[in-house]
Amino acid sequence: MSDRRARELDTQTDALVRVAAALAHGTVSDLKARFAAARDARVPDLWVEELLLQSLLVVGYPRALVAFGVWRASGAGGPAREEEGGDGAEDLAHEDWQAWAARGAAACREVYGRAYHKLLVNLRGLHPALEDLVLVDAYGKVIGRPGLDLKRRELCTVAAIAVLDAAEQLHSHLRGALNTGASPEEVEAVLVTVDADLDAERRRVAWEQWEDVRRRKL
């Protein structure tokens, strides 16, 4: 059963999801191995770069910066490439707050679907600054960037959060993966792909959350 599910992901997406899981547990040896595997699978460098930027929001700056260091040490990217004209990545050296706010709202609405307005209410209730931080900074400046499609971003987020063992957020992003165009088979394939990164409890929680999403969504 697991082999069939795992085949639902194309080779590049599978390799990228494995990198996302390694970002969450932060082991340098695993990062090196999975970056190398992503290269072997011909995952575009830009996809990896965008995943690394996105990981700042999911696993935090300390682990994300370590991962960037491992990635750069592998010979990927860096200032020299940028000086030669870049790789299509978006330049953040501008101050168009309204554009980021609009893009962030659109991306967040796509991920959360019918739960979008409930999310905003919850954020405002937690702290008045959170709505702008989530919509403008997280979704507008980072998640809404070009370079990696929203579906793959969500599949990678599912992988990382499953490793982190944050059940409520995992539930939201399992739904988000479906909302952004992933098939149920692709979502299940992500859980199968990261199975070796999960202990028994995390594995149980991840599949329980997925079964609950399936009951509600499908």
N, C-alpha and C. Protein backbone atom coordinates (compact mmCIF):
# COMPACT_ATOMS: atom_id res chain seq x y z
N MET A 1 0.84 -1.21 0.00
CA MET A 1 0.00 0.00 0.00
C MET A 1 0.87 1.25 0.00
N SER A 2 1.90 1.28 0.87
CA SER A 2 2.72 2.48 0.96
C SER A 2 3.49 2.73 -0.31
N ASP A 3 3.96 1.65 -0.99
CA ASP A 3 4.70 1.84 -2.24
C ASP A 3 3.80 2.48 -3.30
N ARG A 4 2.54 2.03 -3.36
CA ARG A 4 1.63 2.62 -4.35
C ARG A 4 1.43 4.09 -4.07
N ARG A 5 1.22 4.44 -2.81
CA ARG A 5 0.99 5.83 -2.46
C ARG A 5 2.21 6.69 -2.78
N ALA A 6 3.39 6.15 -2.47
CA ALA A 6 4.61 6.93 -2.69
C ALA A 6 4.79 7.27 -4.16
N ARG A 7 4.30 6.42 -5.05
CA ARG A 7 4.46 6.68 -6.48
C ARG A 7 3.56 7.81 -6.97
N GLU A 8 2.65 8.30 -6.13
CA GLU A 8 1.79 9.40 -6.55
C GLU A 8 2.54 10.71 -6.67
N LEU A 9 3.72 10.82 -6.04
CA LEU A 9 4.54 12.02 -6.16
C LEU A 9 5.53 11.85 -7.30
N ASP A 10 5.69 12.89 -8.13
CA ASP A 10 6.73 12.82 -9.14
C ASP A 10 8.10 12.86 -8.44
N THR A 11 9.12 12.46 -9.15
CA THR A 11 10.44 12.28 -8.56
C THR A 11 10.97 13.56 -7.93
N GLN A 12 10.79 14.69 -8.60
CA GLN A 12 11.31 15.96 -8.09
C GLN A 12 10.56 16.40 -6.83
N THR A 13 9.24 16.25 -6.84
CA THR A 13 8.46 16.64 -5.66
C THR A 13 8.79 15.74 -4.48
N ASP A 14 8.96 14.46 -4.73
CA ASP A 14 9.33 13.53 -3.67
C ASP A 14 10.66 13.94 -3.03
N ALA A 15 11.63 14.28 -3.85
CA ALA A 15 12.94 14.68 -3.32
C ALA A 15 12.83 15.99 -2.53
N LEU A 16 11.99 16.92 -3.00
CA LEU A 16 11.81 18.19 -2.31
C LEU A 16 11.13 17.99 -0.96
N VAL A 17 10.13 17.12 -0.91
CA VAL A 17 9.44 16.80 0.35
C VAL A 17 10.43 16.20 1.35
N ARG A 18 11.34 15.37 0.89
CA ARG A 18 12.34 14.78 1.78
C ARG A 18 13.28 15.85 2.34
N VAL A 19 13.59 16.85 1.53
CA VAL A 19 14.38 17.97 2.04
C VAL A 19 13.60 18.71 3.12
N ALA A 20 12.30 18.93 2.90
CA ALA A 20 11.47 19.64 3.89
C ALA A 20 11.47 18.91 5.22
N ALA A 21 11.38 17.59 5.19
CA ALA A 21 11.41 16.82 6.44
C ALA A 21 12.76 16.97 7.13
N ALA A 22 13.84 16.95 6.35
CA ALA A 22 15.18 17.12 6.94
C ALA A 22 15.35 18.51 7.55
N LEU A 23 14.74 19.51 6.95
CA LEU A 23 14.79 20.86 7.51
C LEU A 23 14.17 20.89 8.90
N ALA A 24 13.13 20.09 9.11
CA ALA A 24 12.43 20.11 10.39
C ALA A 24 13.23 19.44 11.50
N HIS A 25 13.94 18.35 11.18
CA HIS A 25 14.71 17.74 12.27
C HIS A 25 16.14 18.25 12.32
N GLY A 26 16.58 18.98 11.31
CA GLY A 26 17.77 19.81 11.41
C GLY A 26 19.10 19.10 11.52
N THR A 27 19.20 17.84 11.11
CA THR A 27 20.46 17.11 11.19
C THR A 27 21.30 17.41 9.95
N VAL A 28 22.51 17.89 10.17
CA VAL A 28 23.35 18.32 9.06
C VAL A 28 23.63 17.17 8.10
N SER A 29 23.90 15.99 8.61
CA SER A 29 24.19 14.85 7.73
C SER A 29 23.00 14.52 6.84
N ASP A 30 21.79 14.59 7.41
CA ASP A 30 20.59 14.33 6.61
C ASP A 30 20.39 15.42 5.57
N LEU A 31 20.64 16.67 5.96
CA LEU A 31 20.50 17.76 5.00
C LEU A 31 21.45 17.56 3.83
N LYS A 32 22.69 17.22 4.10
CA LYS A 32 23.66 17.00 3.03
C LYS A 32 23.19 15.90 2.09
N ALA A 33 22.74 14.80 2.67
CA ALA A 33 22.30 13.66 1.86
C ALA A 33 21.09 14.01 1.01
N ARG A 34 20.16 14.75 1.60
CA ARG A 34 18.92 15.04 0.86
C ARG A 34 19.10 16.16 -0.16
N PHE A 35 19.99 17.09 0.12
CA PHE A 35 20.33 18.07 -0.91
C PHE A 35 20.98 17.36 -2.10
N ALA A 36 21.87 16.42 -1.82
CA ALA A 36 22.52 15.67 -2.90
C ALA A 36 21.50 14.86 -3.69
N ALA A 37 20.54 14.24 -2.98
CA ALA A 37 19.51 13.46 -3.67
C ALA A 37 18.62 14.37 -4.52
N ALA A 38 18.35 15.57 -4.02
CA ALA A 38 17.55 16.52 -4.80
C ALA A 38 18.28 16.92 -6.08
N ARG A 39 19.58 17.11 -5.97
CA ARG A 39 20.38 17.41 -7.16
C ARG A 39 20.31 16.25 -8.16
N ASP A 40 20.46 15.02 -7.64
CA ASP A 40 20.40 13.85 -8.51
C ASP A 40 19.05 13.74 -9.20
N ALA A 41 17.99 14.16 -8.50
CA ALA A 41 16.64 14.11 -9.08
C ALA A 41 16.35 15.31 -9.98
N ARG A 42 17.35 16.18 -10.14
CA ARG A 42 17.22 17.38 -10.98
C ARG A 42 16.14 18.33 -10.48
N VAL A 43 16.00 18.41 -9.16
CA VAL A 43 15.12 19.43 -8.59
C VAL A 43 15.74 20.79 -8.88
N PRO A 44 14.99 21.72 -9.47
CA PRO A 44 15.56 23.04 -9.76
C PRO A 44 16.11 23.70 -8.48
N ASP A 45 17.28 24.29 -8.58
CA ASP A 45 17.85 25.01 -7.43
C ASP A 45 16.88 26.04 -6.88
N LEU A 46 16.14 26.69 -7.78
CA LEU A 46 15.21 27.72 -7.34
C LEU A 46 14.14 27.15 -6.41
N TRP A 47 13.67 25.94 -6.68
CA TRP A 47 12.69 25.31 -5.80
C TRP A 47 13.27 25.13 -4.40
N VAL A 48 14.52 24.66 -4.35
CA VAL A 48 15.15 24.45 -3.05
C VAL A 48 15.33 25.78 -2.33
N GLU A 49 15.76 26.81 -3.07
CA GLU A 49 15.96 28.12 -2.46
C GLU A 49 14.65 28.65 -1.87
N GLU A 50 13.56 28.48 -2.60
CA GLU A 50 12.27 28.96 -2.10
C GLU A 50 11.82 28.15 -0.89
N LEU A 51 12.06 26.84 -0.90
CA LEU A 51 11.73 26.02 0.26
C LEU A 51 12.54 26.46 1.48
N LEU A 52 13.80 26.78 1.28
CA LEU A 52 14.64 27.23 2.40
C LEU A 52 14.12 28.54 2.97
N LEU A 53 13.74 29.48 2.11
CA LEU A 53 13.17 30.74 2.60
C LEU A 53 11.87 30.48 3.36
N GLN A 54 11.04 29.61 2.81
CA GLN A 54 9.77 29.29 3.46
C GLN A 54 10.00 28.62 4.81
N SER A 55 11.08 27.87 4.93
CA SER A 55 11.34 27.14 6.18
C SER A 55 11.59 28.07 7.35
N LEU A 56 11.96 29.32 7.08
CA LEU A 56 12.09 30.30 8.16
C LEU A 56 10.79 30.40 8.95
N LEU A 57 9.66 30.27 8.25
CA LEU A 57 8.35 30.40 8.88
C LEU A 57 7.93 29.14 9.60
N VAL A 58 8.45 28.00 9.18
CA VAL A 58 7.97 26.71 9.69
C VAL A 58 8.88 26.16 10.78
N VAL A 59 10.18 26.14 10.52
CA VAL A 59 11.11 25.53 11.49
C VAL A 59 11.90 26.57 12.27
N GLY A 60 11.78 27.85 11.88
CA GLY A 60 12.46 28.91 12.60
C GLY A 60 13.81 29.28 12.00
N TYR A 61 14.29 30.46 12.34
CA TYR A 61 15.55 30.96 11.80
C TYR A 61 16.75 30.07 12.13
N PRO A 62 16.90 29.57 13.37
CA PRO A 62 18.12 28.80 13.67
C PRO A 62 18.33 27.61 12.73
N ARG A 63 17.32 26.78 12.55
CA ARG A 63 17.48 25.61 11.69
C ARG A 63 17.54 26.01 10.22
N ALA A 64 16.76 27.03 9.84
CA ALA A 64 16.79 27.46 8.45
C ALA A 64 18.15 28.01 8.06
N LEU A 65 18.79 28.76 8.94
CA LEU A 65 20.10 29.32 8.63
C LEU A 65 21.16 28.22 8.54
N VAL A 66 21.06 27.22 9.40
CA VAL A 66 21.96 26.07 9.29
C VAL A 66 21.79 25.40 7.93
N ALA A 67 20.54 25.21 7.54
CA ALA A 67 20.26 24.56 6.26
C ALA A 67 20.79 25.38 5.09
N PHE A 68 20.62 26.70 5.15
CA PHE A 68 21.18 27.55 4.10
C PHE A 68 22.70 27.36 4.02
N GLY A 69 23.36 27.26 5.19
CA GLY A 69 24.80 27.06 5.19
C GLY A 69 25.20 25.76 4.54
N VAL A 70 24.47 24.69 4.83
CA VAL A 70 24.76 23.39 4.21
C VAL A 70 24.52 23.46 2.71
N TRP A 71 23.45 24.12 2.32
CA TRP A 71 23.12 24.27 0.89
C TRP A 71 24.19 25.06 0.15
N ARG A 72 24.64 26.16 0.73
CA ARG A 72 25.68 26.96 0.09
C ARG A 72 27.01 26.19 0.04
N ALA A 73 27.30 25.42 1.11
CA ALA A 73 28.53 24.64 1.13
C ALA A 73 28.55 23.57 0.05
N SER A 74 27.35 23.19 -0.42
CA SER A 74 27.27 22.19 -1.48
C SER A 74 27.60 22.79 -2.84
N GLY A 75 27.78 24.12 -2.87
CA GLY A 75 28.11 24.79 -4.12
C GLY A 75 26.93 25.41 -4.82
N ALA A 76 25.78 25.43 -4.15
CA ALA A 76 24.57 25.95 -4.78
C ALA A 76 24.42 27.44 -4.56
N GLY A 77 24.01 28.14 -5.60
CA GLY A 77 23.61 29.54 -5.48
C GLY A 77 24.68 30.46 -4.97
N GLY A 78 24.22 31.51 -4.28
CA GLY A 78 25.15 32.45 -3.69
C GLY A 78 25.30 33.72 -4.48
N PRO A 79 26.06 34.68 -3.96
CA PRO A 79 26.20 36.00 -4.58
C PRO A 79 26.71 35.98 -6.00
N ALA A 80 27.62 35.05 -6.32
CA ALA A 80 28.18 35.05 -7.67
C ALA A 80 27.11 34.83 -8.71
N ARG A 81 26.20 33.87 -8.45
CA ARG A 81 25.13 33.62 -9.39
C ARG A 81 24.22 34.83 -9.50
N GLU A 82 23.93 35.48 -8.36
CA GLU A 82 23.05 36.63 -8.37
C GLU A 82 23.63 37.77 -9.19
N GLU A 83 24.95 37.96 -9.10
CA GLU A 83 25.59 39.02 -9.86
C GLU A 83 25.54 38.75 -11.36
N GLU A 84 25.42 37.48 -11.72
CA GLU A 84 25.37 37.11 -13.13
C GLU A 84 23.96 37.21 -13.70
N GLY A 85 23.02 37.69 -12.93
CA GLY A 85 21.67 37.87 -13.43
C GLY A 85 20.62 37.09 -12.69
N GLY A 86 21.04 36.32 -11.69
CA GLY A 86 20.08 35.64 -10.84
C GLY A 86 19.48 34.42 -11.50
N ASP A 87 18.48 33.87 -10.83
CA ASP A 87 17.87 32.62 -11.29
C ASP A 87 16.36 32.73 -11.40
N GLY A 88 15.85 33.94 -11.43
CA GLY A 88 14.41 34.14 -11.48
C GLY A 88 13.78 34.40 -10.14
N ALA A 89 14.59 34.40 -9.07
CA ALA A 89 14.06 34.68 -7.74
C ALA A 89 13.62 36.13 -7.64
N GLU A 90 12.63 36.37 -6.79
CA GLU A 90 12.11 37.73 -6.63
C GLU A 90 13.01 38.56 -5.73
N ASP A 91 13.22 39.80 -6.11
CA ASP A 91 13.98 40.74 -5.30
C ASP A 91 13.05 41.36 -4.27
N LEU A 92 13.44 41.30 -3.00
CA LEU A 92 12.61 41.89 -1.95
C LEU A 92 13.01 43.33 -1.62
N ALA A 93 13.90 43.90 -2.39
CA ALA A 93 14.39 45.25 -2.09
C ALA A 93 13.44 46.32 -2.64
N HIS A 94 12.21 46.25 -2.21
CA HIS A 94 11.25 47.30 -2.54
C HIS A 94 10.29 47.42 -1.38
N GLU A 95 9.43 48.41 -1.40
CA GLU A 95 8.57 48.67 -0.25
C GLU A 95 7.10 48.77 -0.64
N ASP A 96 6.68 47.89 -1.54
CA ASP A 96 5.30 47.92 -1.99
C ASP A 96 4.43 47.11 -1.03
N TRP A 97 4.13 47.70 0.10
CA TRP A 97 3.40 47.01 1.15
C TRP A 97 2.04 46.53 0.65
N GLN A 98 1.34 47.36 -0.11
CA GLN A 98 0.00 47.01 -0.57
C GLN A 98 0.03 45.79 -1.50
N ALA A 99 1.07 45.72 -2.34
CA ALA A 99 1.18 44.57 -3.24
C ALA A 99 1.41 43.29 -2.44
N TRP A 100 2.27 43.36 -1.43
CA TRP A 100 2.50 42.19 -0.59
C TRP A 100 1.24 41.80 0.17
N ALA A 101 0.51 42.80 0.66
CA ALA A 101 -0.72 42.52 1.41
C ALA A 101 -1.74 41.83 0.51
N ALA A 102 -1.89 42.31 -0.72
CA ALA A 102 -2.86 41.72 -1.65
C ALA A 102 -2.44 40.31 -2.04
N ARG A 103 -1.16 40.14 -2.36
CA ARG A 103 -0.67 38.81 -2.74
C ARG A 103 -0.79 37.84 -1.56
N GLY A 104 -0.46 38.31 -0.37
CA GLY A 104 -0.55 37.47 0.81
C GLY A 104 -1.97 37.03 1.10
N ALA A 105 -2.91 37.97 0.99
CA ALA A 105 -4.31 37.63 1.23
C ALA A 105 -4.79 36.59 0.22
N ALA A 106 -4.39 36.74 -1.05
CA ALA A 106 -4.81 35.79 -2.08
C ALA A 106 -4.24 34.40 -1.82
N ALA A 107 -2.96 34.34 -1.48
CA ALA A 107 -2.33 33.04 -1.22
C ALA A 107 -2.92 32.38 0.03
N CYS A 108 -3.11 33.17 1.08
CA CYS A 108 -3.66 32.64 2.32
C CYS A 108 -5.09 32.16 2.11
N ARG A 109 -5.86 32.89 1.34
CA ARG A 109 -7.24 32.49 1.06
C ARG A 109 -7.28 31.17 0.29
N GLU A 110 -6.32 31.00 -0.63
CA GLU A 110 -6.28 29.75 -1.40
C GLU A 110 -5.93 28.57 -0.49
N VAL A 111 -5.00 28.77 0.41
CA VAL A 111 -4.60 27.69 1.33
C VAL A 111 -5.72 27.34 2.29
N TYR A 112 -6.35 28.34 2.88
CA TYR A 112 -7.32 28.09 3.95
C TYR A 112 -8.74 27.92 3.45
N GLY A 113 -9.03 28.32 2.23
CA GLY A 113 -10.36 28.10 1.67
C GLY A 113 -11.45 28.70 2.53
N ARG A 114 -12.44 27.89 2.85
CA ARG A 114 -13.60 28.37 3.62
C ARG A 114 -13.22 28.80 5.04
N ALA A 115 -12.07 28.35 5.51
CA ALA A 115 -11.64 28.69 6.87
C ALA A 115 -10.85 30.00 6.93
N TYR A 116 -10.71 30.68 5.79
CA TYR A 116 -9.87 31.88 5.73
C TYR A 116 -10.35 32.97 6.70
N HIS A 117 -11.62 33.30 6.67
CA HIS A 117 -12.11 34.38 7.53
C HIS A 117 -12.06 33.98 9.00
N LYS A 118 -12.27 32.71 9.30
CA LYS A 118 -12.13 32.24 10.68
C LYS A 118 -10.68 32.40 11.14
N LEU A 119 -9.74 32.12 10.23
CA LEU A 119 -8.32 32.30 10.56
C LEU A 119 -8.04 33.75 10.95
N LEU A 120 -8.55 34.70 10.16
CA LEU A 120 -8.30 36.11 10.45
C LEU A 120 -8.87 36.50 11.81
N VAL A 121 -10.07 36.03 12.10
CA VAL A 121 -10.68 36.33 13.40
C VAL A 121 -9.82 35.77 14.53
N ASN A 122 -9.35 34.54 14.35
CA ASN A 122 -8.50 33.91 15.38
C ASN A 122 -7.20 34.67 15.57
N LEU A 123 -6.59 35.09 14.46
CA LEU A 123 -5.33 35.83 14.55
C LEU A 123 -5.52 37.14 15.30
N ARG A 124 -6.60 37.85 14.98
CA ARG A 124 -6.86 39.13 15.67
C ARG A 124 -7.09 38.91 17.16
N GLY A 125 -7.71 37.79 17.49
CA GLY A 125 -7.96 37.51 18.89
C GLY A 125 -6.70 37.17 19.67
N LEU A 126 -5.71 36.60 18.97
CA LEU A 126 -4.47 36.23 19.63
C LEU A 126 -3.57 37.44 19.88
N HIS A 127 -3.45 38.30 18.85
CA HIS A 127 -2.64 39.52 18.98
C HIS A 127 -2.92 40.40 17.77
N PRO A 128 -3.10 41.70 17.96
CA PRO A 128 -3.46 42.58 16.84
C PRO A 128 -2.41 42.65 15.74
N ALA A 129 -1.16 42.32 16.05
CA ALA A 129 -0.11 42.39 15.02
C ALA A 129 -0.06 41.15 14.15
N LEU A 130 -0.69 40.06 14.61
CA LEU A 130 -0.51 38.79 13.92
C LEU A 130 -1.11 38.78 12.51
N GLU A 131 -2.23 39.45 12.31
CA GLU A 131 -2.85 39.42 10.98
C GLU A 131 -1.90 39.96 9.92
N ASP A 132 -1.29 41.11 10.17
CA ASP A 132 -0.36 41.67 9.19
C ASP A 132 0.90 40.82 9.07
N LEU A 133 1.39 40.28 10.17
CA LEU A 133 2.59 39.44 10.10
C LEU A 133 2.33 38.19 9.26
N VAL A 134 1.15 37.62 9.40
CA VAL A 134 0.83 36.41 8.63
C VAL A 134 0.54 36.75 7.17
N LEU A 135 -0.34 37.72 6.94
CA LEU A 135 -0.74 38.02 5.56
C LEU A 135 0.35 38.72 4.77
N VAL A 136 0.99 39.72 5.36
CA VAL A 136 1.97 40.51 4.62
C VAL A 136 3.34 39.84 4.61
N ASP A 137 3.84 39.53 5.79
CA ASP A 137 5.20 39.01 5.87
C ASP A 137 5.29 37.54 5.47
N ALA A 138 4.43 36.70 6.06
CA ALA A 138 4.53 35.26 5.77
C ALA A 138 4.01 34.93 4.37
N TYR A 139 2.74 35.28 4.11
CA TYR A 139 2.15 34.89 2.83
C TYR A 139 2.49 35.85 1.70
N GLY A 140 2.57 37.14 1.98
CA GLY A 140 2.86 38.10 0.92
C GLY A 140 4.31 38.09 0.48
N LYS A 141 5.22 38.18 1.44
CA LYS A 141 6.64 38.29 1.11
C LYS A 141 7.31 36.95 0.83
N VAL A 142 6.79 35.88 1.45
CA VAL A 142 7.50 34.59 1.36
C VAL A 142 6.70 33.54 0.60
N ILE A 143 5.56 33.13 1.13
CA ILE A 143 4.83 32.01 0.54
C ILE A 143 4.26 32.36 -0.83
N GLY A 144 3.89 33.61 -1.04
CA GLY A 144 3.35 34.02 -2.33
C GLY A 144 4.39 34.31 -3.39
N ARG A 145 5.67 34.13 -3.06
CA ARG A 145 6.73 34.41 -4.03
C ARG A 145 6.63 33.48 -5.24
N PRO A 146 7.07 33.97 -6.41
CA PRO A 146 7.20 33.06 -7.55
C PRO A 146 8.41 32.15 -7.32
N GLY A 147 8.53 31.13 -8.13
CA GLY A 147 9.68 30.25 -8.03
C GLY A 147 9.34 28.85 -7.57
N LEU A 148 8.26 28.71 -6.80
CA LEU A 148 7.78 27.40 -6.36
C LEU A 148 6.27 27.51 -6.22
N ASP A 149 5.55 26.59 -6.85
CA ASP A 149 4.09 26.68 -6.86
C ASP A 149 3.52 26.40 -5.47
N LEU A 150 2.32 26.90 -5.25
CA LEU A 150 1.70 26.84 -3.92
C LEU A 150 1.40 25.41 -3.50
N LYS A 151 1.05 24.56 -4.44
CA LYS A 151 0.76 23.17 -4.09
C LYS A 151 2.00 22.50 -3.51
N ARG A 152 3.14 22.64 -4.17
CA ARG A 152 4.37 22.02 -3.65
C ARG A 152 4.78 22.67 -2.33
N ARG A 153 4.56 23.96 -2.19
CA ARG A 153 4.85 24.60 -0.91
C ARG A 153 4.05 23.95 0.22
N GLU A 154 2.77 23.68 -0.04
CA GLU A 154 1.93 23.08 0.99
C GLU A 154 2.32 21.63 1.27
N LEU A 155 2.65 20.88 0.24
CA LEU A 155 3.09 19.50 0.47
C LEU A 155 4.36 19.46 1.32
N CYS A 156 5.27 20.39 1.06
CA CYS A 156 6.49 20.47 1.86
C CYS A 156 6.18 20.92 3.29
N THR A 157 5.22 21.81 3.44
CA THR A 157 4.83 22.26 4.78
C THR A 157 4.23 21.11 5.57
N VAL A 158 3.43 20.28 4.91
CA VAL A 158 2.88 19.09 5.57
C VAL A 158 4.02 18.21 6.08
N ALA A 159 5.03 17.98 5.24
CA ALA A 159 6.16 17.13 5.64
C ALA A 159 6.87 17.69 6.86
N ALA A 160 7.18 18.98 6.82
CA ALA A 160 7.92 19.59 7.93
C ALA A 160 7.11 19.60 9.22
N ILE A 161 5.83 19.93 9.13
CA ILE A 161 5.01 20.03 10.35
C ILE A 161 4.74 18.64 10.93
N ALA A 162 4.64 17.62 10.08
CA ALA A 162 4.49 16.27 10.60
C ALA A 162 5.69 15.89 11.46
N VAL A 163 6.88 16.27 11.03
CA VAL A 163 8.09 16.00 11.81
C VAL A 163 8.10 16.81 13.10
N LEU A 164 7.61 18.05 13.01
CA LEU A 164 7.60 18.92 14.19
C LEU A 164 6.55 18.53 15.22
N ASP A 165 5.54 17.76 14.80
CA ASP A 165 4.50 17.29 15.71
C ASP A 165 3.66 18.45 16.25
N ALA A 166 3.10 19.23 15.32
CA ALA A 166 2.17 20.30 15.68
C ALA A 166 0.82 19.95 15.06
N ALA A 167 0.01 19.19 15.79
CA ALA A 167 -1.17 18.55 15.22
C ALA A 167 -2.16 19.53 14.61
N GLU A 168 -2.45 20.61 15.31
CA GLU A 168 -3.46 21.56 14.82
C GLU A 168 -3.00 22.21 13.52
N GLN A 169 -1.73 22.61 13.47
CA GLN A 169 -1.21 23.21 12.24
C GLN A 169 -1.13 22.18 11.12
N LEU A 170 -0.81 20.94 11.46
CA LEU A 170 -0.77 19.89 10.43
C LEU A 170 -2.14 19.71 9.82
N HIS A 171 -3.17 19.71 10.64
CA HIS A 171 -4.54 19.56 10.13
C HIS A 171 -4.85 20.67 9.13
N SER A 172 -4.47 21.91 9.48
CA SER A 172 -4.73 23.05 8.59
C SER A 172 -4.01 22.90 7.26
N HIS A 173 -2.78 22.42 7.29
CA HIS A 173 -2.01 22.36 6.05
C HIS A 173 -2.28 21.09 5.25
N LEU A 174 -2.78 20.05 5.89
CA LEU A 174 -3.31 18.93 5.11
C LEU A 174 -4.48 19.41 4.27
N ARG A 175 -5.37 20.20 4.90
CA ARG A 175 -6.46 20.81 4.13
C ARG A 175 -5.92 21.76 3.08
N GLY A 176 -4.89 22.53 3.47
CA GLY A 176 -4.30 23.48 2.54
C GLY A 176 -3.73 22.82 1.31
N ALA A 177 -3.12 21.66 1.47
CA ALA A 177 -2.59 20.94 0.31
C ALA A 177 -3.71 20.58 -0.66
N LEU A 178 -4.83 20.09 -0.12
CA LEU A 178 -5.98 19.78 -0.98
C LEU A 178 -6.53 21.05 -1.62
N ASN A 179 -6.63 22.12 -0.83
CA ASN A 179 -7.18 23.38 -1.35
C ASN A 179 -6.34 23.95 -2.49
N THR A 180 -5.05 23.68 -2.48
CA THR A 180 -4.17 24.24 -3.51
C THR A 180 -3.92 23.30 -4.67
N GLY A 181 -4.68 22.21 -4.72
CA GLY A 181 -4.65 21.37 -5.91
C GLY A 181 -4.03 20.00 -5.77
N ALA A 182 -3.53 19.65 -4.59
CA ALA A 182 -2.98 18.31 -4.41
C ALA A 182 -4.11 17.28 -4.36
N SER A 183 -3.86 16.12 -4.90
CA SER A 183 -4.83 15.03 -4.81
C SER A 183 -4.69 14.34 -3.45
N PRO A 184 -5.73 13.64 -3.00
CA PRO A 184 -5.59 12.87 -1.77
C PRO A 184 -4.42 11.89 -1.83
N GLU A 185 -4.20 11.31 -3.00
CA GLU A 185 -3.10 10.37 -3.15
C GLU A 185 -1.74 11.04 -2.97
N GLU A 186 -1.62 12.28 -3.45
CA GLU A 186 -0.36 13.01 -3.27
C GLU A 186 -0.12 13.33 -1.80
N VAL A 187 -1.18 13.72 -1.10
CA VAL A 187 -1.03 14.03 0.33
C VAL A 187 -0.62 12.77 1.09
N GLU A 188 -1.27 11.67 0.82
CA GLU A 188 -0.90 10.43 1.48
C GLU A 188 0.53 10.03 1.15
N ALA A 189 0.94 10.29 -0.08
CA ALA A 189 2.31 9.96 -0.48
C ALA A 189 3.33 10.75 0.32
N VAL A 190 3.00 11.99 0.66
CA VAL A 190 3.90 12.78 1.50
C VAL A 190 4.06 12.12 2.87
N LEU A 191 2.95 11.69 3.46
CA LEU A 191 3.03 11.05 4.77
C LEU A 191 3.83 9.76 4.70
N VAL A 192 3.69 9.02 3.60
CA VAL A 192 4.49 7.81 3.42
C VAL A 192 5.96 8.15 3.25
N THR A 193 6.23 9.20 2.47
CA THR A 193 7.61 9.59 2.19
C THR A 193 8.36 9.96 3.46
N VAL A 194 7.68 10.65 4.40
CA VAL A 194 8.36 11.10 5.62
C VAL A 194 8.22 10.09 6.76
N ASP A 195 7.68 8.92 6.47
CA ASP A 195 7.43 7.94 7.53
C ASP A 195 8.68 7.65 8.35
N ALA A 196 9.82 7.51 7.70
CA ALA A 196 11.05 7.17 8.41
C ALA A 196 11.53 8.32 9.30
N ASP A 197 11.04 9.54 9.07
CA ASP A 197 11.42 10.70 9.88
C ASP A 197 10.54 10.84 11.12
N LEU A 198 9.52 10.01 11.25
CA LEU A 198 8.55 10.14 12.34
C LEU A 198 8.72 9.01 13.35
N ASP A 199 8.59 9.35 14.63
CA ASP A 199 8.51 8.28 15.62
C ASP A 199 7.07 7.77 15.66
N ALA A 200 6.82 6.77 16.47
CA ALA A 200 5.51 6.13 16.46
C ALA A 200 4.39 7.11 16.79
N GLU A 201 4.62 7.99 17.76
CA GLU A 201 3.58 8.94 18.16
C GLU A 201 3.30 9.96 17.07
N ARG A 202 4.34 10.51 16.48
CA ARG A 202 4.14 11.47 15.40
C ARG A 202 3.44 10.82 14.21
N ARG A 203 3.80 9.58 13.93
CA ARG A 203 3.15 8.86 12.83
C ARG A 203 1.67 8.68 13.12
N ARG A 204 1.33 8.29 14.34
CA ARG A 204 -0.07 8.10 14.71
C ARG A 204 -0.85 9.41 14.57
N VAL A 205 -0.28 10.50 15.08
CA VAL A 205 -0.95 11.79 15.02
C VAL A 205 -1.14 12.24 13.57
N ALA A 206 -0.11 12.07 12.75
CA ALA A 206 -0.20 12.52 11.35
C ALA A 206 -1.33 11.80 10.62
N TRP A 207 -1.41 10.48 10.79
CA TRP A 207 -2.45 9.75 10.08
C TRP A 207 -3.82 10.01 10.67
N GLU A 208 -3.92 10.24 11.97
CA GLU A 208 -5.21 10.60 12.56
C GLU A 208 -5.69 11.94 12.01
N GLN A 209 -4.79 12.91 11.91
CA GLN A 209 -5.17 14.21 11.36
C GLN A 209 -5.63 14.06 9.91
N TRP A 210 -4.91 13.25 9.15
CA TRP A 210 -5.28 13.07 7.75
C TRP A 210 -6.65 12.38 7.62
N GLU A 211 -6.90 11.39 8.43
CA GLU A 211 -8.20 10.72 8.37
C GLU A 211 -9.33 11.69 8.72
N ASP A 212 -9.08 12.60 9.66
CA ASP A 212 -10.09 13.58 10.02
C ASP A 212 -10.33 14.55 8.85
N VAL A 213 -9.25 14.97 8.20
CA VAL A 213 -9.40 15.85 7.03
C VAL A 213 -10.19 15.14 5.94
N ARG A 214 -9.89 13.87 5.69
CA ARG A 214 -10.60 13.13 4.66
C ARG A 214 -12.10 13.05 4.99
N ARG A 215 -12.43 12.81 6.23
CA ARG A 215 -13.85 12.73 6.60
C ARG A 215 -14.57 14.06 6.38
N ARG A 216 -13.89 15.14 6.64
CA ARG A 216 -14.52 16.45 6.52
C ARG A 216 -14.54 16.95 5.09
N LYS A 217 -13.49 16.61 4.30
CA LYS A 217 -13.28 17.25 3.00
C LYS A 217 -13.81 16.41 1.85
N LEU A 218 -13.64 15.09 1.93
CA LEU A 218 -13.88 14.27 0.73
C LEU A 218 -15.25 13.60 0.76
